[in-house]
Every structure is written in structure tokens, then in C-alpha cells.
Amino acid sequence: MAVANRKSSSLLLIIAVVVLCPLTRIDSYENIHKEVAVFVFGESLFDPGNINYINTISVLQANYLPYGESYFSPPTGRFSYGRLISDFIAEYARLPLIPPYLEPGKNEFTYGTNFASTRAGALIETLPGLVVDLQTQLQYFSDVENHYWQSLGYTKAEQLLSNAVYLFSYGANDYISHVPNSISMDNIYPTLTNEKYTELVIGNLTSVIKAKVKAVQDAAAVAHAK
């Protein structure tokens, strides 16, 4: 169990680094780029209300009081009495609140968008069908990329994407789902020890993020070469 705890701490450290690094980037670019897009991926720590727009269960929703009572009226679906970490980061960057991707209506994604879904995990098997998992959130991001390419042109779109801030928060729900008497995943991974299961979660998260970062970087390099 101690090993699993150390792995959990490692994952939290990874998340903290991903969240904090963009703050430095915003500060160093604020005199060059007047507008910076923010893209948010994750679970309830970042979900601004995407969970309201999917077919899920009421226990996973926060669209009722007292949620939001200290800042929003009516509640938005945030699991908070007020704003989330991602909201404060947007404020620091002098941006409006980053809207939930699934919110109905036309969205040009001028300042980015938020894909986070309450109780989502790094593994697709975490609460399948009730949340927007990591892979689906990244597919939504690919759709936004296509929107930028069509509306801005390839070069401007890739410049926007390469200068954007990306926030990720995953892992906690995967661990909770593996705890006995919780929403168990033992029937899916019955032979995995806690240590191996933790490695699976962290490995899936890091490999997916690395692949997406590389794709954005490669596309940006092509755009800058033109």
C-alpha cells in the first residue's frame, strides 16, 4: 500500500507541474500575445458543467444549491461553492471564464474551451457511459483543432495551439474505482496488484498526454516553417 501511496504522490506531482508550468508561460508571453487560449481536461476539479449535458446519474451532478452559491446564480454544475482552479487561472491570464465544451450554442473557442467531466478517469473503464473519459475529451479537442484550421487557416491555428495553455487533472477517480466496496474495477483487472494498477493509470495518462503534446508541437513546427 505504501508503494501505491508513493505512486499517487507522483501522479499529483505530475498534475501540479502541468498546471503550474502554463502560468510561467502566460507571464512570459503576456507582452507578446494579447490573447492566450486555455484548454482544460480532467474531472470534477476542473468541470465547469459539462456533466450537465450528458446522460448520467444525479449523484454526479452539481447543478443545485448550495453549489455555486458564493459566486454563480444559478449553479453551473461546478462541484464548488464558487469558482474552480481553472477559473482562477483564466482570470490570472485576463481571460473570461473558459466555457464547457458541451454547453449548447455556437462557440468559436476564442479563448479555448473546457472538456473536463466530473468523475472522469485516465482509464476508459472508469465509470464508462457516465462520464466523458480522457480519450473522448482528447477527441473533442481534435474537433476543436479542425474548427480552428477551417476558421483561421492552418498557420494561425497552429500558432494559437502552440501558444495555448493546457491544464490536466486525472487519476483520483481511477484510484477510487479500484478500492473495494467502491465502484470496483477488479472484474476488469483482477490480477493487478495495487502497484501494477497505479502504474497502469500513470502510464496511460502520461503516454496519452505525451502523444498529444507531440502532435501539437509537430503541427506547430510545420506552421512556423511556412
C-alpha atoms as a PDB file:
ATOM      1  CA  MET A   1       0.000   0.000   0.000  1.00  0.00           C
ATOM      2  CA  ALA A   2       2.917   2.318   0.727  1.00  0.00           C
ATOM      3  CA  VAL A   3       4.094   1.871  -2.836  1.00  0.00           C
ATOM      4  CA  ALA A   4       0.669   2.839  -4.137  1.00  0.00           C
ATOM      5  CA  ASN A   5       0.702   5.939  -1.946  1.00  0.00           C
ATOM      6  CA  ARG A   6       4.085   6.953  -3.347  1.00  0.00           C
ATOM      7  CA  LYS A   7       2.762   6.454  -6.869  1.00  0.00           C
ATOM      8  CA  SER A   8      -0.280   8.570  -6.009  1.00  0.00           C
ATOM      9  CA  SER A   9       2.009  11.338  -4.834  1.00  0.00           C
ATOM     10  CA  SER A  10       3.955  11.066  -8.077  1.00  0.00           C
ATOM     11  CA  LEU A  11       0.767  11.493 -10.080  1.00  0.00           C
ATOM     12  CA  LEU A  12      -0.243  14.529  -8.046  1.00  0.00           C
ATOM     13  CA  LEU A  13       3.206  15.983  -8.695  1.00  0.00           C
ATOM     14  CA  ILE A  14       2.800  15.426 -12.435  1.00  0.00           C
ATOM     15  CA  ILE A  15      -0.564  17.193 -12.340  1.00  0.00           C
ATOM     16  CA  ALA A  16       0.861  20.103 -10.335  1.00  0.00           C
ATOM     17  CA  VAL A  17       3.706  20.597 -12.799  1.00  0.00           C
ATOM     18  CA  VAL A  18       1.323  20.543 -15.764  1.00  0.00           C
ATOM     19  CA  VAL A  19      -0.882  23.136 -14.081  1.00  0.00           C
ATOM     20  CA  LEU A  20       1.875  25.432 -12.860  1.00  0.00           C
ATOM     21  CA  CYS A  21       4.070  25.496 -15.955  1.00  0.00           C
ATOM     22  CA  PRO A  22       1.497  27.327 -18.076  1.00  0.00           C
ATOM     23  CA  LEU A  23       1.384  30.143 -15.521  1.00  0.00           C
ATOM     24  CA  THR A  24       5.016  30.904 -16.270  1.00  0.00           C
ATOM     25  CA  ARG A  25       4.288  30.716 -19.981  1.00  0.00           C
ATOM     26  CA  ILE A  26       1.412  33.193 -19.678  1.00  0.00           C
ATOM     27  CA  ASP A  27       3.599  35.647 -17.811  1.00  0.00           C
ATOM     28  CA  SER A  28       6.435  35.437 -20.332  1.00  0.00           C
ATOM     29  CA  TYR A  29       4.131  35.869 -23.323  1.00  0.00           C
ATOM     30  CA  GLU A  30       1.683  38.457 -21.998  1.00  0.00           C
ATOM     31  CA  ASN A  31       3.501  41.338 -23.664  1.00  0.00           C
ATOM     32  CA  ILE A  32       3.629  39.480 -26.985  1.00  0.00           C
ATOM     33  CA  HIS A  33       0.269  37.725 -27.215  1.00  0.00           C
ATOM     34  CA  LYS A  34      -2.747  39.743 -26.118  1.00  0.00           C
ATOM     35  CA  GLU A  35      -4.939  36.665 -26.141  1.00  0.00           C
ATOM     36  CA  VAL A  36      -3.997  33.172 -24.969  1.00  0.00           C
ATOM     37  CA  ALA A  37      -6.288  30.193 -25.393  1.00  0.00           C
ATOM     38  CA  VAL A  38      -6.757  27.794 -22.464  1.00  0.00           C
ATOM     39  CA  PHE A  39      -7.727  24.139 -22.898  1.00  0.00           C
ATOM     40  CA  VAL A  40      -8.817  22.230 -19.808  1.00  0.00           C
ATOM     41  CA  PHE A  41      -9.006  18.437 -19.434  1.00  0.00           C
ATOM     42  CA  GLY A  42      -9.905  16.432 -16.352  1.00  0.00           C
ATOM     43  CA  GLU A  43     -12.567  15.690 -13.776  1.00  0.00           C
ATOM     44  CA  SER A  44     -14.576  17.498 -11.074  1.00  0.00           C
ATOM     45  CA  LEU A  45     -11.674  19.724 -10.003  1.00  0.00           C
ATOM     46  CA  PHE A  46     -11.975  21.381 -13.425  1.00  0.00           C
ATOM     47  CA  ASP A  47     -15.505  20.556 -14.669  1.00  0.00           C
ATOM     48  CA  PRO A  48     -17.442  23.832 -15.233  1.00  0.00           C
ATOM     49  CA  GLY A  49     -20.658  21.997 -16.087  1.00  0.00           C
ATOM     50  CA  ASN A  50     -20.045  19.516 -18.917  1.00  0.00           C
ATOM     51  CA  ILE A  51     -21.606  16.836 -16.734  1.00  0.00           C
ATOM     52  CA  ASN A  52     -24.943  18.686 -17.100  1.00  0.00           C
ATOM     53  CA  TYR A  53     -25.069  17.865 -20.794  1.00  0.00           C
ATOM     54  CA  ILE A  54     -24.547  14.101 -20.797  1.00  0.00           C
ATOM     55  CA  ASN A  55     -26.822  11.242 -19.818  1.00  0.00           C
ATOM     56  CA  THR A  56     -25.524  10.414 -16.351  1.00  0.00           C
ATOM     57  CA  ILE A  57     -26.782   9.925 -12.789  1.00  0.00           C
ATOM     58  CA  SER A  58     -27.820  12.743 -10.438  1.00  0.00           C
ATOM     59  CA  VAL A  59     -25.139  11.951  -7.845  1.00  0.00           C
ATOM     60  CA  LEU A  60     -22.519  13.021 -10.400  1.00  0.00           C
ATOM     61  CA  GLN A  61     -24.141  16.417 -10.946  1.00  0.00           C
ATOM     62  CA  ALA A  62     -23.802  19.705  -9.055  1.00  0.00           C
ATOM     63  CA  ASN A  63     -26.474  21.826 -10.698  1.00  0.00           C
ATOM     64  CA  TYR A  64     -28.300  22.621  -7.457  1.00  0.00           C
ATOM     65  CA  LEU A  65     -27.674  24.637  -4.291  1.00  0.00           C
ATOM     66  CA  PRO A  66     -25.513  25.013  -2.283  1.00  0.00           C
ATOM     67  CA  TYR A  67     -23.122  24.540  -5.232  1.00  0.00           C
ATOM     68  CA  GLY A  68     -22.207  27.871  -6.752  1.00  0.00           C
ATOM     69  CA  GLU A  69     -23.969  29.962  -4.113  1.00  0.00           C
ATOM     70  CA  SER A  70     -20.949  32.164  -3.337  1.00  0.00           C
ATOM     71  CA  TYR A  71     -20.351  33.234  -6.948  1.00  0.00           C
ATOM     72  CA  PHE A  72     -22.776  31.821  -9.522  1.00  0.00           C
ATOM     73  CA  SER A  73     -26.533  32.101  -9.709  1.00  0.00           C
ATOM     74  CA  PRO A  74     -27.955  29.692 -10.650  1.00  0.00           C
ATOM     75  CA  PRO A  75     -25.474  26.834 -10.050  1.00  0.00           C
ATOM     76  CA  THR A  76     -23.444  25.962 -13.126  1.00  0.00           C
ATOM     77  CA  GLY A  77     -22.522  22.346 -12.417  1.00  0.00           C
ATOM     78  CA  ARG A  78     -19.201  23.111 -10.735  1.00  0.00           C
ATOM     79  CA  PHE A  79     -18.501  20.976  -7.668  1.00  0.00           C
ATOM     80  CA  SER A  80     -17.663  24.093  -5.697  1.00  0.00           C
ATOM     81  CA  TYR A  81     -19.400  26.867  -3.781  1.00  0.00           C
ATOM     82  CA  GLY A  82     -17.668  29.267  -6.144  1.00  0.00           C
ATOM     83  CA  ARG A  83     -15.038  29.143  -8.848  1.00  0.00           C
ATOM     84  CA  LEU A  84     -12.597  26.363  -9.720  1.00  0.00           C
ATOM     85  CA  ILE A  85      -8.802  26.400 -10.051  1.00  0.00           C
ATOM     86  CA  SER A  86      -9.173  26.645 -13.828  1.00  0.00           C
ATOM     87  CA  ASP A  87     -11.404  29.705 -13.411  1.00  0.00           C
ATOM     88  CA  PHE A  88      -8.759  31.488 -11.362  1.00  0.00           C
ATOM     89  CA  ILE A  89      -6.073  30.577 -13.901  1.00  0.00           C
ATOM     90  CA  ALA A  90      -8.206  32.113 -16.655  1.00  0.00           C
ATOM     91  CA  GLU A  91      -8.656  35.227 -14.522  1.00  0.00           C
ATOM     92  CA  TYR A  92      -4.883  35.431 -13.995  1.00  0.00           C
ATOM     93  CA  ALA A  93      -4.460  35.301 -17.772  1.00  0.00           C
ATOM     94  CA  ARG A  94      -7.031  38.117 -18.087  1.00  0.00           C
ATOM     95  CA  LEU A  95      -9.467  35.864 -19.875  1.00  0.00           C
ATOM     96  CA  PRO A  96     -13.196  35.307 -19.348  1.00  0.00           C
ATOM     97  CA  LEU A  97     -14.368  32.073 -17.755  1.00  0.00           C
ATOM     98  CA  ILE A  98     -13.488  29.194 -20.075  1.00  0.00           C
ATOM     99  CA  PRO A  99     -16.834  27.684 -21.173  1.00  0.00           C
ATOM    100  CA  PRO A 100     -17.745  23.987 -21.007  1.00  0.00           C
ATOM    101  CA  TYR A 101     -17.259  22.342 -24.377  1.00  0.00           C
ATOM    102  CA  LEU A 102     -20.653  20.608 -24.269  1.00  0.00           C
ATOM    103  CA  GLU A 103     -22.602  23.790 -23.498  1.00  0.00           C
ATOM    104  CA  PRO A 104     -25.246  24.283 -26.215  1.00  0.00           C
ATOM    105  CA  GLY A 105     -24.894  27.169 -28.631  1.00  0.00           C
ATOM    106  CA  LYS A 106     -22.362  28.422 -31.127  1.00  0.00           C
ATOM    107  CA  ASN A 107     -18.840  28.672 -29.739  1.00  0.00           C
ATOM    108  CA  GLU A 108     -15.880  29.968 -31.714  1.00  0.00           C
ATOM    109  CA  PHE A 109     -13.497  28.861 -28.919  1.00  0.00           C
ATOM    110  CA  THR A 110     -11.834  32.287 -28.995  1.00  0.00           C
ATOM    111  CA  TYR A 111     -10.236  31.735 -25.601  1.00  0.00           C
ATOM    112  CA  GLY A 112     -10.178  27.938 -25.676  1.00  0.00           C
ATOM    113  CA  THR A 113     -12.646  25.591 -24.028  1.00  0.00           C
ATOM    114  CA  ASN A 114     -13.045  23.202 -21.095  1.00  0.00           C
ATOM    115  CA  PHE A 115     -13.534  19.466 -21.715  1.00  0.00           C
ATOM    116  CA  ALA A 116     -13.410  18.281 -18.071  1.00  0.00           C
ATOM    117  CA  SER A 117     -16.068  15.875 -16.828  1.00  0.00           C
ATOM    118  CA  THR A 118     -16.874  15.025 -13.214  1.00  0.00           C
ATOM    119  CA  ARG A 119     -15.571  11.580 -12.147  1.00  0.00           C
ATOM    120  CA  ALA A 120     -13.670  11.090 -15.417  1.00  0.00           C
ATOM    121  CA  GLY A 121     -10.559   8.945 -15.294  1.00  0.00           C
ATOM    122  CA  ALA A 122      -7.343   8.328 -17.136  1.00  0.00           C
ATOM    123  CA  LEU A 123      -8.724   4.870 -17.977  1.00  0.00           C
ATOM    124  CA  ILE A 124     -11.712   4.454 -20.260  1.00  0.00           C
ATOM    125  CA  GLU A 125     -13.028   1.762 -17.871  1.00  0.00           C
ATOM    126  CA  THR A 126     -13.583   4.303 -15.069  1.00  0.00           C
ATOM    127  CA  LEU A 127     -17.373   4.825 -14.891  1.00  0.00           C
ATOM    128  CA  PRO A 128     -17.902   4.062 -18.600  1.00  0.00           C
ATOM    129  CA  GLY A 129     -21.014   5.616 -20.097  1.00  0.00           C
ATOM    130  CA  LEU A 130     -21.498   8.037 -17.198  1.00  0.00           C
ATOM    131  CA  VAL A 131     -18.623  10.448 -17.808  1.00  0.00           C
ATOM    132  CA  VAL A 132     -16.544  11.937 -20.616  1.00  0.00           C
ATOM    133  CA  ASP A 133     -13.328   9.932 -20.373  1.00  0.00           C
ATOM    134  CA  LEU A 134      -9.814  11.132 -21.239  1.00  0.00           C
ATOM    135  CA  GLN A 135      -9.796   9.657 -24.739  1.00  0.00           C
ATOM    136  CA  THR A 136     -13.159  11.247 -25.579  1.00  0.00           C
ATOM    137  CA  GLN A 137     -12.015  14.616 -24.228  1.00  0.00           C
ATOM    138  CA  LEU A 138      -8.973  14.434 -26.497  1.00  0.00           C
ATOM    139  CA  GLN A 139     -11.218  13.559 -29.443  1.00  0.00           C
ATOM    140  CA  TYR A 140     -13.266  16.664 -28.678  1.00  0.00           C
ATOM    141  CA  PHE A 141     -10.015  18.631 -28.693  1.00  0.00           C
ATOM    142  CA  SER A 142      -9.234  17.246 -32.148  1.00  0.00           C
ATOM    143  CA  ASP A 143     -12.628  18.537 -33.299  1.00  0.00           C
ATOM    144  CA  VAL A 144     -11.722  21.989 -31.945  1.00  0.00           C
ATOM    145  CA  GLU A 145      -8.402  21.811 -33.801  1.00  0.00           C
ATOM    146  CA  ASN A 146     -10.301  21.149 -37.025  1.00  0.00           C
ATOM    147  CA  HIS A 147     -12.549  24.122 -36.282  1.00  0.00           C
ATOM    148  CA  TYR A 148      -9.512  26.386 -35.913  1.00  0.00           C
ATOM    149  CA  TRP A 149      -7.953  25.103 -39.129  1.00  0.00           C
ATOM    150  CA  GLN A 150     -11.147  25.854 -41.046  1.00  0.00           C
ATOM    151  CA  SER A 151     -11.875  29.245 -39.471  1.00  0.00           C
ATOM    152  CA  LEU A 152      -8.349  30.650 -39.016  1.00  0.00           C
ATOM    153  CA  GLY A 153      -6.276  28.801 -41.566  1.00  0.00           C
ATOM    154  CA  TYR A 154      -3.579  26.257 -40.764  1.00  0.00           C
ATOM    155  CA  THR A 155      -0.754  28.640 -39.856  1.00  0.00           C
ATOM    156  CA  LYS A 156      -2.729  30.886 -37.484  1.00  0.00           C
ATOM    157  CA  ALA A 157      -4.470  27.895 -35.950  1.00  0.00           C
ATOM    158  CA  GLU A 158      -1.223  26.132 -35.112  1.00  0.00           C
ATOM    159  CA  GLN A 159       0.286  29.318 -33.718  1.00  0.00           C
ATOM    160  CA  LEU A 160      -2.720  29.635 -31.413  1.00  0.00           C
ATOM    161  CA  LEU A 161      -2.482  25.992 -30.347  1.00  0.00           C
ATOM    162  CA  SER A 162       1.270  26.069 -29.750  1.00  0.00           C
ATOM    163  CA  ASN A 163       0.976  29.188 -27.555  1.00  0.00           C
ATOM    164  CA  ALA A 164      -2.046  27.888 -25.642  1.00  0.00           C
ATOM    165  CA  VAL A 165      -2.184  26.757 -22.015  1.00  0.00           C
ATOM    166  CA  TYR A 166      -3.158  23.131 -21.343  1.00  0.00           C
ATOM    167  CA  LEU A 167      -4.438  22.015 -17.925  1.00  0.00           C
ATOM    168  CA  PHE A 168      -4.869  18.363 -16.905  1.00  0.00           C
ATOM    169  CA  SER A 169      -6.263  16.780 -13.732  1.00  0.00           C
ATOM    170  CA  TYR A 170      -6.704  12.991 -13.713  1.00  0.00           C
ATOM    171  CA  GLY A 171      -6.059   9.925 -11.590  1.00  0.00           C
ATOM    172  CA  ALA A 172      -8.071  10.254  -8.396  1.00  0.00           C
ATOM    173  CA  ASN A 173     -11.220   8.643  -9.789  1.00  0.00           C
ATOM    174  CA  ASP A 174      -9.272   5.722 -11.234  1.00  0.00           C
ATOM    175  CA  TYR A 175      -7.852   5.002  -7.778  1.00  0.00           C
ATOM    176  CA  ILE A 176     -11.233   5.417  -6.058  1.00  0.00           C
ATOM    177  CA  SER A 177     -12.803   2.998  -8.521  1.00  0.00           C
ATOM    178  CA  HIS A 178     -10.221   0.355  -7.611  1.00  0.00           C
ATOM    179  CA  VAL A 179     -10.992   0.477  -3.876  1.00  0.00           C
ATOM    180  CA  PRO A 180     -13.044  -2.477  -2.558  1.00  0.00           C
ATOM    181  CA  ASN A 181     -16.686  -1.582  -1.822  1.00  0.00           C
ATOM    182  CA  SER A 182     -16.390   1.336  -4.226  1.00  0.00           C
ATOM    183  CA  ILE A 183     -17.281   1.200  -7.916  1.00  0.00           C
ATOM    184  CA  SER A 184     -14.857  -1.670  -8.291  1.00  0.00           C
ATOM    185  CA  MET A 185     -12.774  -2.338 -11.368  1.00  0.00           C
ATOM    186  CA  ASP A 186     -11.452  -5.635 -10.033  1.00  0.00           C
ATOM    187  CA  ASN A 187     -13.605  -7.541 -12.524  1.00  0.00           C
ATOM    188  CA  ILE A 188     -11.699  -5.788 -15.340  1.00  0.00           C
ATOM    189  CA  TYR A 189      -8.184  -6.056 -13.870  1.00  0.00           C
ATOM    190  CA  PRO A 190      -8.489  -8.932 -11.383  1.00  0.00           C
ATOM    191  CA  THR A 191      -4.815  -9.933 -11.472  1.00  0.00           C
ATOM    192  CA  LEU A 192      -3.300  -6.472 -10.957  1.00  0.00           C
ATOM    193  CA  THR A 193      -1.761  -5.564  -7.623  1.00  0.00           C
ATOM    194  CA  ASN A 194      -2.277  -2.030  -6.326  1.00  0.00           C
ATOM    195  CA  GLU A 195       1.229  -1.184  -7.511  1.00  0.00           C
ATOM    196  CA  LYS A 196       0.645  -2.500 -11.041  1.00  0.00           C
ATOM    197  CA  TYR A 197      -2.746  -0.833 -11.239  1.00  0.00           C
ATOM    198  CA  THR A 198      -1.227   2.509 -10.219  1.00  0.00           C
ATOM    199  CA  GLU A 199       1.468   2.096 -12.863  1.00  0.00           C
ATOM    200  CA  LEU A 200      -1.274   1.417 -15.414  1.00  0.00           C
ATOM    201  CA  VAL A 201      -3.103   4.640 -14.535  1.00  0.00           C
ATOM    202  CA  ILE A 202       0.027   6.799 -14.574  1.00  0.00           C
ATOM    203  CA  GLY A 203       1.372   5.119 -17.707  1.00  0.00           C
ATOM    204  CA  ASN A 204      -1.863   5.638 -19.621  1.00  0.00           C
ATOM    205  CA  LEU A 205      -2.108   9.267 -18.556  1.00  0.00           C
ATOM    206  CA  THR A 206       1.463  10.200 -19.410  1.00  0.00           C
ATOM    207  CA  SER A 207       1.549   8.343 -22.731  1.00  0.00           C
ATOM    208  CA  VAL A 208      -1.681   9.947 -23.928  1.00  0.00           C
ATOM    209  CA  ILE A 209      -0.578  13.446 -22.928  1.00  0.00           C
ATOM    210  CA  LYS A 210       2.881  13.000 -24.463  1.00  0.00           C
ATOM    211  CA  ALA A 211       1.366  11.832 -27.739  1.00  0.00           C
ATOM    212  CA  LYS A 212      -0.972  14.824 -27.893  1.00  0.00           C
ATOM    213  CA  VAL A 213       1.760  17.299 -26.979  1.00  0.00           C
ATOM    214  CA  LYS A 214       3.998  15.869 -29.700  1.00  0.00           C
ATOM    215  CA  ALA A 215       1.195  16.145 -32.252  1.00  0.00           C
ATOM    216  CA  VAL A 216       0.635  19.817 -31.396  1.00  0.00           C
ATOM    217  CA  GLN A 217       4.371  20.529 -31.481  1.00  0.00           C
ATOM    218  CA  ASP A 218       4.847  18.792 -34.832  1.00  0.00           C
ATOM    219  CA  ALA A 219       1.942  20.690 -36.370  1.00  0.00           C
ATOM    220  CA  ALA A 220       3.250  23.970 -34.964  1.00  0.00           C
ATOM    221  CA  ALA A 221       6.696  23.297 -36.434  1.00  0.00           C
ATOM    222  CA  VAL A 222       5.136  22.811 -39.865  1.00  0.00           C
ATOM    223  CA  ALA A 223       3.095  26.007 -39.472  1.00  0.00           C
ATOM    224  CA  HIS A 224       6.118  28.061 -38.429  1.00  0.00           C
ATOM    225  CA  ALA A 225       8.131  26.729 -41.357  1.00  0.00           C
ATOM    226  CA  LYS A 226       5.613  28.073 -43.858  1.00  0.00           C
END
